[in-house]
Amino acid sequence: MSSEEKMEVTVKLFGGIGNFAGISTASVLLPPHAAISEALKELYQSHPALQEKLEKGVAEGYINIIVNGRNIRFLGGLETSLSEGDRIAFLPPIGGG
């Protein structure tokens, strides 16, 4: 697939996730209409240390994935379709009192 047939999405890693990865923002190139699950695979290829941390956090529900301000739990989950320019954010739990 040529780069002309790919779309770019931005990934933001907040809090301890970004600190763990050593980055706060990444760009991911994907085929058109790729799903969140495909974006994760691409992210893991360029930042393998994130895989275990994110997979566990997402599976156990303590890391939220937000696409353009909406939690994917209320969209299509990991199969939520993405579009050019979308922003994916990974949010760790926030404590307070």
Protein backbone atom coordinates (compact mmCIF):
# COMPACT_ATOMS: atom_id res chain seq x y z
CA MET A 1 0.00 0.00 0.00
CA SER A 2 1.48 3.37 -0.96
CA SER A 3 1.63 6.28 1.46
CA GLU A 4 -1.06 7.97 -0.67
CA GLU A 5 -3.44 5.20 0.36
CA LYS A 6 -2.81 5.70 4.06
CA MET A 7 -4.30 8.04 6.59
CA GLU A 8 -2.57 9.60 9.56
CA VAL A 9 -4.00 9.68 13.08
CA THR A 10 -2.48 11.25 16.18
CA VAL A 11 -2.03 9.32 19.40
CA LYS A 12 -1.76 11.16 22.73
CA LEU A 13 -0.45 9.36 25.81
CA PHE A 14 -1.40 11.05 29.07
CA GLY A 15 -0.05 10.73 32.61
CA GLY A 16 1.99 7.71 33.52
CA ILE A 17 1.42 6.11 30.11
CA GLY A 18 3.35 8.88 28.37
CA ASN A 19 6.03 8.84 31.04
CA PHE A 20 6.39 5.08 30.69
CA ALA A 21 6.68 5.30 26.89
CA GLY A 22 8.97 8.30 26.94
CA ILE A 23 6.67 10.11 24.49
CA SER A 24 3.47 12.07 24.81
CA THR A 25 2.42 12.17 21.15
CA ALA A 26 2.87 9.85 18.17
CA SER A 27 1.58 9.73 14.61
CA VAL A 28 0.37 6.45 13.15
CA LEU A 29 -0.15 5.69 9.44
CA LEU A 30 -3.04 3.32 8.72
CA PRO A 31 -5.13 2.11 5.80
CA PRO A 32 -8.32 4.15 5.27
CA HIS A 33 -11.11 3.32 7.74
CA ALA A 34 -8.79 1.24 9.94
CA ALA A 35 -10.02 0.36 13.42
CA ILE A 36 -8.58 1.28 16.81
CA SER A 37 -7.23 -2.28 17.07
CA GLU A 38 -5.12 -1.68 13.94
CA ALA A 39 -3.83 1.62 15.32
CA LEU A 40 -2.77 -0.22 18.48
CA LYS A 41 -0.83 -2.80 16.43
CA GLU A 42 1.03 -0.03 14.61
CA LEU A 43 1.74 1.80 17.85
CA TYR A 44 3.11 -1.39 19.43
CA GLN A 45 5.47 -1.90 16.48
CA SER A 46 7.08 1.49 16.98
CA HIS A 47 6.84 1.42 20.81
CA PRO A 48 6.86 -2.25 21.92
CA ALA A 49 7.13 -1.41 25.62
CA LEU A 50 3.59 -0.03 25.49
CA GLN A 51 1.95 -3.26 24.42
CA GLU A 52 1.73 -5.07 27.75
CA LYS A 53 0.83 -1.91 29.68
CA LEU A 54 -1.92 -0.80 27.30
CA GLU A 55 -3.37 -4.25 26.59
CA LYS A 56 -3.72 -4.99 30.29
CA GLY A 57 -5.10 -1.54 31.14
CA VAL A 58 -7.65 -1.58 28.32
CA ALA A 59 -8.73 -5.18 29.04
CA GLU A 60 -9.18 -4.44 32.75
CA GLY A 61 -10.95 -1.17 32.03
CA TYR A 62 -8.66 1.20 33.87
CA ILE A 63 -7.23 2.84 30.74
CA ASN A 64 -9.77 4.68 28.64
CA ILE A 65 -9.38 5.15 24.90
CA ILE A 66 -10.89 8.37 23.62
CA VAL A 67 -11.35 9.20 19.92
CA ASN A 68 -12.04 12.84 19.15
CA GLY A 69 -13.34 13.37 22.67
CA ARG A 70 -15.57 10.28 22.82
CA ASN A 71 -14.88 7.12 24.79
CA ILE A 72 -14.75 4.09 22.48
CA ARG A 73 -16.88 2.16 24.98
CA PHE A 74 -19.79 4.20 23.64
CA LEU A 75 -18.73 3.81 20.01
CA GLY A 76 -17.58 0.53 18.47
CA GLY A 77 -15.00 -0.50 21.05
CA LEU A 78 -11.69 -1.60 19.59
CA GLU A 79 -13.39 -1.92 16.21
CA THR A 80 -14.26 1.79 16.12
CA SER A 81 -13.42 3.01 12.62
CA LEU A 82 -10.96 5.86 12.25
CA SER A 83 -10.65 8.66 9.70
CA GLU A 84 -7.82 10.88 8.52
CA GLY A 85 -6.78 13.33 11.22
CA ASP A 86 -8.54 11.59 14.11
CA ARG A 87 -7.03 11.96 17.56
CA ILE A 88 -6.74 8.96 19.86
CA ALA A 89 -6.03 9.58 23.54
CA PHE A 90 -5.10 7.04 26.18
CA LEU A 91 -6.19 8.20 29.62
CA PRO A 92 -5.06 6.48 32.81
CA PRO A 93 -7.23 6.55 35.92
CA ILE A 94 -7.39 9.85 37.73
CA GLY A 95 -7.61 9.84 41.50
CA GLY A 96 -8.76 12.54 43.79
CA GLY A 97 -10.73 13.23 46.79
